[in-house]
Every structure is written in structure tokens, then in C-alpha cells.
Amino acid sequence: MRIAVWYNLHSGGGKRALSHQIRGLLAQGHTVDLWSPPLPDKEAMALSPEAKAHVVPLDYDAGVRANPLSRLSAKNRQIYRCFAAVDAHCRQCATEIEGGNYDLLLAHPCYLTAAPPIGRYVNLPSLIYLQEPNRGLYEASEHSPWRAAEPALPRSPGQFLRQWQEKARVADCRMLVREEHKSVSAFDKILVNSFFSRESMRRAYDLDSKVCYLGIDAENFLHRQLPRENFVVGLGAFVPAKNQAFVIEALARVPEPRPKLVWIGNITLDPAYLEELKRLAESLHVEFEVRKMISDRDLVDLLNRASMMLSASRLEPFGYAPLEANACGTPVIAVAEGGVRETVIDGENGLLVENDPQEMAAAIIRLRDDPAFARRLGENARRIVESKWNLEAAADRLEQCLQSVTTRRQEKRIADPVSVL
């Protein structure tokens, strides 16, 4: 098949998963071409040199009229500007894809809008591999966009402006919910990374989706049989959803010799949050080492030397990082929440704990004080990755999903040739 792939992802697990899918499709003999906006981190995680890359500009002034008042409004309506820009970009990509004689569109998420609107503008069979819905719109949070602003004092300066901004913000969020549902619904099939994510799609969009498990590059993430050292590792962006503070608090409850925490992450949305984590670690006497934008080689080295991985992510869709640690023979201690419950099996490749720092601390002590048990978990973890989470099986699962969509479209064309025009 000739497959057009669209994405707009920063470096991280989602982009690594896309890279693996592209490699798998190419290995199966398919032609894969890529469409994306200009991305600053292409050097940090290149996808595939064998896939032709089409870079289409993404203009944040798209959809903003020349009227000065309209432009002033748009500057205060970031949600609208983002969607308008992504929509215009996707229209251009769709035009190019439609003229390229492709059999299929496979879309991945957009870090700006979650579900991209490109599926609305192509007539060929289409799928989206949606790692998660736009969680900020559908999950409870202290910073929920649906939470009303604190009331201003009567006749206070700027009261009218704040009221206008509040109404514009809510209107833009409602617009985004409407447009995102249209975008997701436009695809012939929605693929997700876990049964937990399938439930999330149902809650957010009231739409069906199919679980298509990802794979781990066990040839790159090798178990090198290195001596384990007195540090633990965490992996993921420096954002509250990764819950680094929980891990620091758990380590603070571990008696000396307390392991150092090495946290690897490429993205820091709010530098103040990272500084807050550093202050917390210092106040609790936890050694906290931050590693950013490291190479895969250095990542694999750290995973091979760490005594264990700790994960406390909130409602993690899948649990990619724990499996990468497992591939390196590293056991994982994780909070039993979200998709991690499908990748970490208690007592087999790691330990699952309740959402309580003291429970995680007890699990850390258990593995630290019983290195033979920790070693058995790590060795078994590697075998599980090789048997269940290998890239070849993941590529086969994806190919079956792609073929099912093209077959269904062909059957529909035969049964009702007018409806597919």
C-alpha cells in the first residue's frame, strides 16, 4: 500500500511509537510518506530516512481577518488561533495527499489540538492512532477550562475586560470540543494504545475505537547485564501529569542509603514547575538529577544501570517507559492507574502500588533489600517484552487494522458506488 502519514508531535513516547510504526510498515513492503508542520526537534528523534518527508507551514495567523479589532481579539484567544492554524495546515496537507495516489491516510495526534482535522478533508480510507483525547477538556483538574474564574470586585478596574476574556475562553473551549468531535468522527477507524484509552475515547467522544498495542524496540533497548547501581530512574516530561513530586515524596520515606532519583525528560512546559521539584527534593533530602535531551544510547545505559524505574503518572494512557525499562531488564514500581495496569503485571515484571507514597516507599525497600527478587523481576520483564511487546507483532497488528479499513471501503464502494463519491 501507499500510505500517507500525518503527525505533529514533540519528542517523547508518542513520536517514538510513530517511528516504530513507520519502520514496521516499510519493512512489510509498504510505501510511507510523511506530512507534518516544521518541528524543532527532528534532530532529537528522527523518524525514518526511507520515508519521504513533506513539511507544510503552520501559520498562527491563519483564519484571522485583517480587521484590527479581530486581530486584537485573536491575540487573546489562543485556542481559536491554534485550531484555525492547524485546520488551514491540514487542508493544505489533504490537498497534496489527495493528489498523490495514496491508498490510505494514517494520522497521529497533534500536540496543539489532540485530534487533527485532516480526516475531514480526504476522501481516501483513513485511520487515526490517537494516544489519548484532549485530556484538558475532558478530565477534572484544578486548571480545568470549565472552572469559572474568581469573581472580580464590583466596579474594579479591568472588570469588563476580565468578563470578556472569561466568556471568550469558554466559547473557544466549547468550539474546540465541537471541532474535535468532528475531527475524530471523520476517520474510518480510531486506534488506541490500551483498553484504558479505549474507555477514555468512549467517555470523551462517545465513539468506538480499537486497541492496537504498541511494540518496544528490544534490539535497541538491550539488557546488557550491567551491575545495578544505587539510583532509580524516572522517564517523562516535566509536567504535573507525570507526578514527579509523588516519586520524590516516596523516596524521602526510604531509609539511607537512599537511592538517587535520575529523571529523564525532554519537555518542560513551565520552568517554575521544575524548580519547584528541585526545591521539594532538596527539602526532603532526596538527591534529584535532571537529564534532558539525552541520546538513546545514554538512555539505554541509564536504564541498564538503574536499580529500578519508578512511575506515578496520572492516568497514563499506555505505559511506554516502563516497557522500555523492562526491555533493559529493569523492574518497575508503578502506581496502579491508567494503562500502566496493562503493561506492568504485579509480581511478574514489576510491582503495582496504591496511590500512596508510603506504599511506593515500601516497594522500593522490598526490591532494594532483596536483590535476587529484583533480578528475577528484571529477567522476566525482558522475556515478556520479547514475547508480547516485540515490534514485529506490533507491525502485524497495525497492518491488519489498515487492511481492514481499505477492505471495508472497497466493499462499501461495490455495494453502494454512489455513496463513496
Protein backbone atom coordinates (compact mmCIF):
# COMPACT_ATOMS: atom_id res chain seq x y z
CA MET A 1 0.00 0.00 0.00
CA ARG A 2 0.95 3.63 -0.47
CA ILE A 3 0.39 5.21 2.93
CA ALA A 4 0.33 8.92 3.79
CA VAL A 5 1.16 9.63 7.43
CA TRP A 6 0.37 12.94 9.16
CA TYR A 7 1.65 13.96 12.60
CA ASN A 8 2.50 16.97 14.77
CA LEU A 9 4.39 15.58 17.78
CA HIS A 10 7.19 16.69 20.04
CA SER A 11 9.85 14.17 21.02
CA GLY A 12 8.73 11.56 23.52
CA GLY A 13 6.86 8.29 23.66
CA GLY A 14 4.26 9.26 21.07
CA LYS A 15 6.88 10.14 18.48
CA ARG A 16 8.91 7.04 19.27
CA ALA A 17 5.78 4.93 18.74
CA LEU A 18 5.21 6.62 15.36
CA SER A 19 8.82 5.92 14.38
CA HIS A 20 8.38 2.24 15.17
CA GLN A 21 5.15 2.06 13.16
CA ILE A 22 6.80 3.65 10.13
CA ARG A 23 9.74 1.25 10.32
CA GLY A 24 7.37 -1.69 10.60
CA LEU A 25 5.29 -0.64 7.60
CA LEU A 26 8.39 -0.07 5.48
CA ALA A 27 9.74 -3.49 6.46
CA GLN A 28 6.46 -5.05 5.29
CA GLY A 29 6.97 -3.53 1.84
CA HIS A 30 4.62 -0.56 2.07
CA THR A 31 5.46 2.93 0.79
CA VAL A 32 5.23 5.58 3.51
CA ASP A 33 5.33 9.35 3.01
CA LEU A 34 5.16 11.83 5.88
CA TRP A 35 3.36 15.16 6.32
CA SER A 36 3.94 17.50 9.24
CA PRO A 37 4.46 21.13 10.21
CA PRO A 38 8.04 22.29 10.78
CA LEU A 39 9.17 20.69 14.05
CA PRO A 40 12.14 21.93 16.08
CA ASP A 41 13.15 18.55 17.50
CA LYS A 42 13.58 16.49 14.33
CA GLU A 43 17.26 16.09 15.09
CA ALA A 44 16.42 14.80 18.58
CA MET A 45 14.26 11.94 17.30
CA ALA A 46 14.37 11.46 13.54
CA LEU A 47 11.67 9.20 12.16
CA SER A 48 12.85 7.29 9.09
CA PRO A 49 15.21 8.39 6.31
CA GLU A 50 13.42 5.95 3.98
CA ALA A 51 10.12 7.82 4.26
CA LYS A 52 9.81 11.00 2.19
CA ALA A 53 9.02 13.99 4.41
CA HIS A 54 6.67 16.78 3.29
CA VAL A 55 6.91 19.83 5.56
CA VAL A 56 3.94 22.19 5.27
CA PRO A 57 3.97 25.57 7.08
CA LEU A 58 1.65 26.14 10.02
CA ASP A 59 0.70 29.82 10.23
CA TYR A 60 -0.78 31.01 13.51
CA ASP A 61 -2.38 33.99 11.77
CA ALA A 62 -4.46 31.65 9.58
CA GLY A 63 -8.14 32.48 9.81
CA VAL A 64 -7.56 35.87 11.46
CA ARG A 65 -9.10 38.65 9.40
CA ALA A 66 -7.23 41.84 8.62
CA ASN A 67 -9.63 43.87 10.77
CA PRO A 68 -7.53 45.36 13.63
CA LEU A 69 -10.23 44.59 16.22
CA SER A 70 -10.35 40.97 15.04
CA ARG A 71 -6.58 40.70 15.36
CA LEU A 72 -6.69 42.10 18.90
CA SER A 73 -9.35 39.51 19.75
CA ALA A 74 -7.31 36.67 18.27
CA LYS A 75 -4.28 37.54 20.40
CA ASN A 76 -6.43 36.94 23.47
CA ARG A 77 -7.93 33.74 22.06
CA GLN A 78 -5.05 31.30 21.80
CA ILE A 79 -7.35 28.28 21.48
CA TYR A 80 -9.05 29.74 18.42
CA ARG A 81 -5.73 30.72 16.85
CA CYS A 82 -4.28 27.23 17.36
CA PHE A 83 -7.25 25.47 15.84
CA ALA A 84 -7.51 27.89 12.90
CA ALA A 85 -3.82 27.41 12.14
CA VAL A 86 -3.94 23.62 12.38
CA ASP A 87 -7.11 23.49 10.28
CA ALA A 88 -5.58 25.56 7.47
CA HIS A 89 -2.42 23.46 7.59
CA CYS A 90 -4.41 20.20 7.41
CA ARG A 91 -6.42 21.46 4.43
CA GLN A 92 -3.18 22.08 2.54
CA CYS A 93 -1.78 18.66 3.50
CA ALA A 94 -5.02 16.97 2.44
CA THR A 95 -4.88 18.65 -0.97
CA GLU A 96 -1.36 17.34 -1.51
CA ILE A 97 -2.23 13.85 -0.26
CA GLU A 98 -5.33 13.64 -2.45
CA GLY A 99 -3.15 14.32 -5.48
CA GLY A 100 -0.57 11.70 -4.56
CA ASN A 101 -2.41 8.47 -5.43
CA TYR A 102 -2.29 7.09 -1.88
CA ASP A 103 -4.29 4.12 -0.65
CA LEU A 104 -4.63 5.24 2.95
CA LEU A 105 -4.15 8.06 5.45
CA LEU A 106 -2.75 7.21 8.87
CA ALA A 107 -2.87 10.23 11.20
CA HIS A 108 -1.21 10.62 14.56
CA PRO A 109 -2.03 13.24 17.20
CA CYS A 110 -1.38 16.95 17.12
CA TYR A 111 0.23 18.34 20.26
CA LEU A 112 -1.81 21.53 19.78
CA THR A 113 -5.31 20.11 19.24
CA ALA A 114 -5.01 16.36 20.03
CA ALA A 115 -7.19 15.12 17.15
CA PRO A 116 -6.22 16.80 13.84
CA PRO A 117 -8.96 17.82 11.37
CA ILE A 118 -7.17 16.32 8.35
CA GLY A 119 -9.53 13.34 8.22
CA ARG A 120 -12.36 15.66 7.18
CA TYR A 121 -10.58 16.77 4.03
CA VAL A 122 -9.51 13.48 2.43
CA ASN A 123 -11.67 11.02 0.52
CA LEU A 124 -9.38 8.01 0.85
CA PRO A 125 -9.64 5.45 3.70
CA SER A 126 -8.31 6.93 6.93
CA LEU A 127 -7.34 5.95 10.46
CA ILE A 128 -6.08 7.89 13.43
CA TYR A 129 -3.80 6.42 16.07
CA LEU A 130 -4.96 8.60 18.94
CA GLN A 131 -2.87 8.04 22.06
CA GLU A 132 -5.34 9.94 24.26
CA PRO A 133 -8.14 12.50 23.98
CA ASN A 134 -7.56 16.16 24.75
CA ARG A 135 -7.37 15.46 28.47
CA GLY A 136 -7.53 19.10 29.49
CA LEU A 137 -11.06 19.33 28.08
CA TYR A 138 -12.47 16.09 29.48
CA GLU A 139 -10.76 15.36 32.80
CA ALA A 140 -11.21 17.02 36.17
CA SER A 141 -8.34 19.34 37.04
CA GLU A 142 -7.51 22.31 39.18
CA HIS A 143 -6.84 24.14 35.93
CA SER A 144 -9.93 22.89 34.07
CA PRO A 145 -11.06 25.32 31.37
CA TRP A 146 -14.63 24.85 32.59
CA ARG A 147 -13.80 26.17 36.05
CA ALA A 148 -15.19 29.67 36.48
CA ALA A 149 -12.77 32.48 37.24
CA GLU A 150 -12.90 34.02 40.67
CA PRO A 151 -15.47 36.85 40.71
CA ALA A 152 -13.99 40.32 40.44
CA LEU A 153 -14.77 43.03 42.94
CA PRO A 154 -17.69 45.23 41.85
CA ARG A 155 -16.57 48.12 39.67
CA SER A 156 -12.93 47.08 39.98
CA PRO A 157 -10.51 48.22 37.25
CA GLY A 158 -10.46 45.80 34.36
CA GLN A 159 -13.67 44.04 35.42
CA PHE A 160 -15.23 44.34 31.97
CA LEU A 161 -12.06 43.05 30.29
CA ARG A 162 -11.87 40.01 32.61
CA GLN A 163 -15.53 39.19 31.98
CA TRP A 164 -14.98 39.42 28.23
CA GLN A 165 -11.88 37.21 28.42
CA GLU A 166 -13.78 34.65 30.52
CA LYS A 167 -16.63 34.46 28.01
CA ALA A 168 -14.20 34.21 25.08
CA ARG A 169 -12.25 31.43 26.81
CA VAL A 170 -15.34 29.33 27.49
CA ALA A 171 -16.65 29.94 23.96
CA ASP A 172 -13.33 28.82 22.48
CA CYS A 173 -13.26 25.66 24.61
CA ARG A 174 -16.79 24.79 23.50
CA MET A 175 -15.73 25.39 19.91
CA LEU A 176 -12.74 23.09 20.37
CA VAL A 177 -14.91 20.31 21.84
CA ARG A 178 -17.27 20.59 18.86
CA GLU A 179 -14.49 20.64 16.28
CA GLU A 180 -12.50 17.87 17.95
CA HIS A 181 -15.52 15.56 17.88
CA LYS A 182 -15.97 16.32 14.18
CA SER A 183 -12.29 15.59 13.57
CA VAL A 184 -12.27 12.26 15.39
CA SER A 185 -15.55 11.17 13.80
CA ALA A 186 -14.21 11.84 10.29
CA PHE A 187 -11.80 8.89 10.39
CA ASP A 188 -12.92 5.43 9.32
CA LYS A 189 -11.29 3.87 12.38
CA ILE A 190 -9.80 5.08 15.67
CA LEU A 191 -6.86 3.10 17.00
CA VAL A 192 -5.77 3.37 20.63
CA ASN A 193 -2.87 2.05 22.68
CA SER A 194 -4.73 0.34 25.55
CA PHE A 195 -8.10 -0.77 26.82
CA PHE A 196 -7.91 2.11 29.29
CA SER A 197 -7.55 4.51 26.34
CA ARG A 198 -10.49 2.86 24.61
CA GLU A 199 -12.61 3.68 27.65
CA SER A 200 -11.23 7.24 27.63
CA MET A 201 -12.32 7.65 23.99
CA ARG A 202 -15.78 6.44 24.87
CA ARG A 203 -16.04 8.89 27.77
CA ALA A 204 -14.70 11.83 25.76
CA TYR A 205 -16.27 11.30 22.33
CA ASP A 206 -18.85 8.52 22.75
CA LEU A 207 -17.12 6.73 19.86
CA ASP A 208 -15.84 3.19 19.38
CA SER A 209 -12.13 2.53 18.98
CA LYS A 210 -9.87 -0.49 18.59
CA VAL A 211 -6.90 -1.41 20.76
CA CYS A 212 -3.74 -1.81 18.68
CA TYR A 213 -0.92 -2.39 21.15
CA LEU A 214 2.44 -0.77 20.51
CA GLY A 215 5.80 -2.53 20.48
CA ILE A 216 9.20 -1.96 22.04
CA ASP A 217 12.49 -1.89 20.17
CA ALA A 218 14.15 -4.72 22.10
CA GLU A 219 17.18 -4.62 19.80
CA ASN A 220 17.91 -1.03 20.81
CA PHE A 221 16.75 -1.34 24.42
CA LEU A 222 19.08 -4.22 25.22
CA HIS A 223 19.58 -5.95 28.56
CA ARG A 224 23.35 -5.60 28.93
CA GLN A 225 23.70 -7.44 32.24
CA LEU A 226 25.44 -4.44 33.85
CA PRO A 227 25.86 -4.14 37.63
CA ARG A 228 22.97 -2.26 39.18
CA GLU A 229 23.78 0.99 40.98
CA ASN A 230 22.17 2.88 43.85
CA PHE A 231 19.90 5.10 41.80
CA VAL A 232 16.36 4.85 40.46
CA VAL A 233 15.14 6.29 37.21
CA GLY A 234 12.03 8.11 36.04
CA LEU A 235 11.14 8.96 32.46
CA GLY A 236 8.76 11.55 31.05
CA ALA A 237 8.13 15.25 30.52
CA PHE A 238 8.45 17.65 33.43
CA VAL A 239 4.72 18.25 33.75
CA PRO A 240 2.36 17.67 36.71
CA ALA A 241 0.70 14.69 34.97
CA LYS A 242 3.96 12.72 35.35
CA ASN A 243 3.69 13.28 39.11
CA GLN A 244 7.39 13.56 39.89
CA ALA A 245 6.56 15.08 43.29
CA PHE A 246 4.93 11.80 44.35
CA VAL A 247 8.10 9.88 43.49
CA ILE A 248 10.26 12.35 45.42
CA GLU A 249 7.99 12.05 48.45
CA ALA A 250 8.15 8.25 48.24
CA LEU A 251 11.94 8.26 48.12
CA ALA A 252 12.04 10.58 51.12
CA ARG A 253 10.43 7.77 53.13
CA VAL A 254 13.19 5.29 52.21
CA PRO A 255 15.91 4.98 54.88
CA GLU A 256 19.54 5.55 53.97
CA PRO A 257 21.32 4.55 51.86
CA ARG A 258 18.55 6.25 49.93
CA PRO A 259 18.87 5.90 46.13
CA LYS A 260 19.34 8.94 43.95
CA LEU A 261 16.50 9.85 41.57
CA VAL A 262 17.57 10.40 37.96
CA TRP A 263 14.69 11.82 35.92
CA ILE A 264 14.94 11.91 32.13
CA GLY A 265 12.67 14.27 30.21
CA ASN A 266 12.77 16.39 27.07
CA ILE A 267 9.85 18.75 27.68
CA THR A 268 9.44 21.42 30.36
CA LEU A 269 6.29 23.43 29.74
CA ASP A 270 6.70 25.52 32.88
CA PRO A 271 10.26 26.10 34.19
CA ALA A 272 8.78 27.11 37.54
CA TYR A 273 7.40 23.57 37.96
CA LEU A 274 10.85 22.03 37.54
CA GLU A 275 12.33 24.49 40.04
CA GLU A 276 9.55 23.56 42.46
CA LEU A 277 10.50 19.89 42.13
CA LYS A 278 14.14 20.70 42.82
CA ARG A 279 13.21 22.64 45.96
CA LEU A 280 10.98 19.79 47.13
CA ALA A 281 13.75 17.24 46.66
CA GLU A 282 16.25 19.43 48.50
CA SER A 283 13.87 19.98 51.41
CA LEU A 284 13.28 16.21 51.72
CA HIS A 285 16.98 15.33 51.31
CA VAL A 286 16.40 13.40 48.08
CA GLU A 287 19.19 13.63 45.52
CA PHE A 288 17.47 14.66 42.28
CA GLU A 289 19.36 14.64 38.98
CA VAL A 290 17.68 16.07 35.87
CA ARG A 291 18.71 14.77 32.44
CA LYS A 292 17.34 16.43 29.30
CA MET A 293 17.54 15.61 25.60
CA ILE A 294 19.86 12.65 26.05
CA SER A 295 20.64 10.22 23.27
CA ASP A 296 19.04 6.78 23.02
CA ARG A 297 22.44 5.32 23.80
CA ASP A 298 22.66 7.23 27.09
CA LEU A 299 19.04 6.39 27.89
CA VAL A 300 19.67 2.67 27.44
CA ASP A 301 22.82 2.94 29.55
CA LEU A 302 20.93 4.58 32.42
CA LEU A 303 18.12 2.02 32.24
CA ASN A 304 20.68 -0.79 32.40
CA ARG A 305 22.43 0.63 35.46
CA ALA A 306 19.38 1.80 37.45
CA SER A 307 18.17 -0.47 40.23
CA MET A 308 14.53 0.14 39.24
CA MET A 309 12.15 2.53 37.47
CA LEU A 310 9.52 4.47 39.40
CA SER A 311 6.30 5.65 37.76
CA ALA A 312 3.43 7.58 39.33
CA SER A 313 1.90 9.16 36.22
CA ARG A 314 -1.71 10.25 36.49
CA LEU A 315 -3.98 8.29 34.16
CA GLU A 316 -1.12 7.36 31.82
CA PRO A 317 -2.73 6.09 28.58
CA PHE A 318 -0.35 3.19 27.99
CA GLY A 319 2.87 2.93 29.96
CA TYR A 320 5.59 3.03 27.30
CA ALA A 321 8.50 3.97 29.55
CA PRO A 322 8.00 1.01 31.92
CA LEU A 323 8.26 -1.40 28.98
CA GLU A 324 11.46 0.27 27.77
CA ALA A 325 12.89 -0.21 31.25
CA ASN A 326 11.69 -3.83 31.22
CA ALA A 327 13.48 -4.43 27.92
CA CYS A 328 16.69 -3.43 29.71
CA GLY A 329 15.99 -5.92 32.50
CA THR A 330 14.90 -3.21 34.92
CA PRO A 331 11.92 -3.87 37.21
CA VAL A 332 9.28 -1.16 37.54
CA ILE A 333 7.34 0.10 40.54
CA ALA A 334 4.23 1.92 39.34
CA VAL A 335 1.04 3.35 40.75
CA ALA A 336 -1.81 1.08 39.62
CA GLU A 337 -3.60 3.63 37.48
CA GLY A 338 -4.46 4.05 33.80
CA GLY A 339 -2.90 1.98 31.04
CA VAL A 340 0.12 1.07 33.17
CA ARG A 341 -2.03 -1.72 34.63
CA GLU A 342 -1.86 -3.38 31.19
CA THR A 343 1.93 -3.17 30.84
CA VAL A 344 3.12 -3.71 34.43
CA ILE A 345 1.92 -7.03 35.87
CA ASP A 346 2.32 -7.15 39.63
CA GLY A 347 4.93 -9.71 40.64
CA GLU A 348 5.95 -10.52 37.06
CA ASN A 349 7.78 -7.52 35.60
CA GLY A 350 7.41 -5.12 38.49
CA LEU A 351 5.23 -4.11 41.40
CA LEU A 352 1.96 -2.16 41.39
CA VAL A 353 1.15 0.02 44.38
CA GLU A 354 -1.70 2.19 45.60
CA ASN A 355 -1.60 5.96 45.19
CA ASP A 356 0.29 6.39 48.46
CA PRO A 357 3.96 7.47 48.74
CA GLN A 358 4.40 5.20 51.75
CA GLU A 359 3.33 2.16 49.70
CA MET A 360 5.77 3.03 46.94
CA ALA A 361 8.49 3.51 49.55
CA ALA A 362 7.77 0.04 50.95
CA ALA A 363 8.05 -1.44 47.44
CA ILE A 364 11.37 0.35 46.87
CA ILE A 365 12.71 -1.04 50.14
CA ARG A 366 11.50 -4.53 49.20
CA LEU A 367 13.43 -4.55 45.92
CA ARG A 368 16.46 -2.86 47.42
CA ASP A 369 16.69 -5.36 50.27
CA ASP A 370 16.02 -8.42 48.08
CA PRO A 371 18.28 -8.06 45.02
CA ALA A 372 17.60 -11.67 43.97
CA PHE A 373 13.87 -10.92 43.72
CA ALA A 374 14.56 -7.67 41.86
CA ARG A 375 16.82 -9.57 39.45
CA ARG A 376 14.14 -12.22 38.81
CA LEU A 377 11.59 -9.49 38.03
CA GLY A 378 14.03 -7.86 35.63
CA GLU A 379 14.92 -11.06 33.80
CA ASN A 380 11.26 -11.99 33.47
CA ALA A 381 10.46 -8.46 32.29
CA ARG A 382 12.86 -8.84 29.38
CA ARG A 383 11.24 -12.13 28.36
CA ILE A 384 7.78 -10.56 28.48
CA VAL A 385 8.88 -7.70 26.20
CA GLU A 386 10.41 -10.14 23.71
CA SER A 387 7.32 -12.35 23.60
CA LYS A 388 4.41 -9.90 23.90
CA TRP A 389 5.66 -6.42 23.08
CA ASN A 390 8.05 -7.00 20.15
CA LEU A 391 7.99 -4.67 17.15
CA GLU A 392 7.23 -7.39 14.60
CA ALA A 393 3.98 -8.35 16.32
CA ALA A 394 3.05 -4.68 16.72
CA ALA A 395 3.63 -4.08 12.99
CA ASP A 396 1.42 -7.05 12.12
CA ARG A 397 -1.36 -5.73 14.36
CA LEU A 398 -1.17 -2.31 12.72
CA GLU A 399 -1.11 -3.74 9.19
CA GLN A 400 -4.24 -5.80 9.91
CA CYS A 401 -6.05 -2.65 11.07
CA LEU A 402 -5.01 -0.73 7.96
CA GLN A 403 -6.07 -3.53 5.65
CA SER A 404 -9.44 -3.85 7.38
CA VAL A 405 -10.21 -0.20 6.63
CA THR A 406 -9.25 -0.39 2.96
CA THR A 407 -11.20 -3.65 2.57
CA ARG A 408 -14.28 -2.16 4.19
CA ARG A 409 -14.11 0.89 1.91
CA GLN A 410 -13.81 -1.36 -1.16
CA GLU A 411 -16.78 -3.45 -0.05
CA LYS A 412 -18.81 -0.30 0.52
CA ARG A 413 -17.88 1.00 -2.94
CA ILE A 414 -19.08 -2.23 -4.54
CA ALA A 415 -22.32 -2.28 -2.54
CA ASP A 416 -23.14 1.42 -2.96
CA PRO A 417 -20.92 3.15 -5.55
CA VAL A 418 -22.78 6.47 -5.26
CA SER A 419 -22.25 6.93 -1.50
CA VAL A 420 -18.45 6.90 -1.72
CA LEU A 421 -18.21 9.56 -4.42
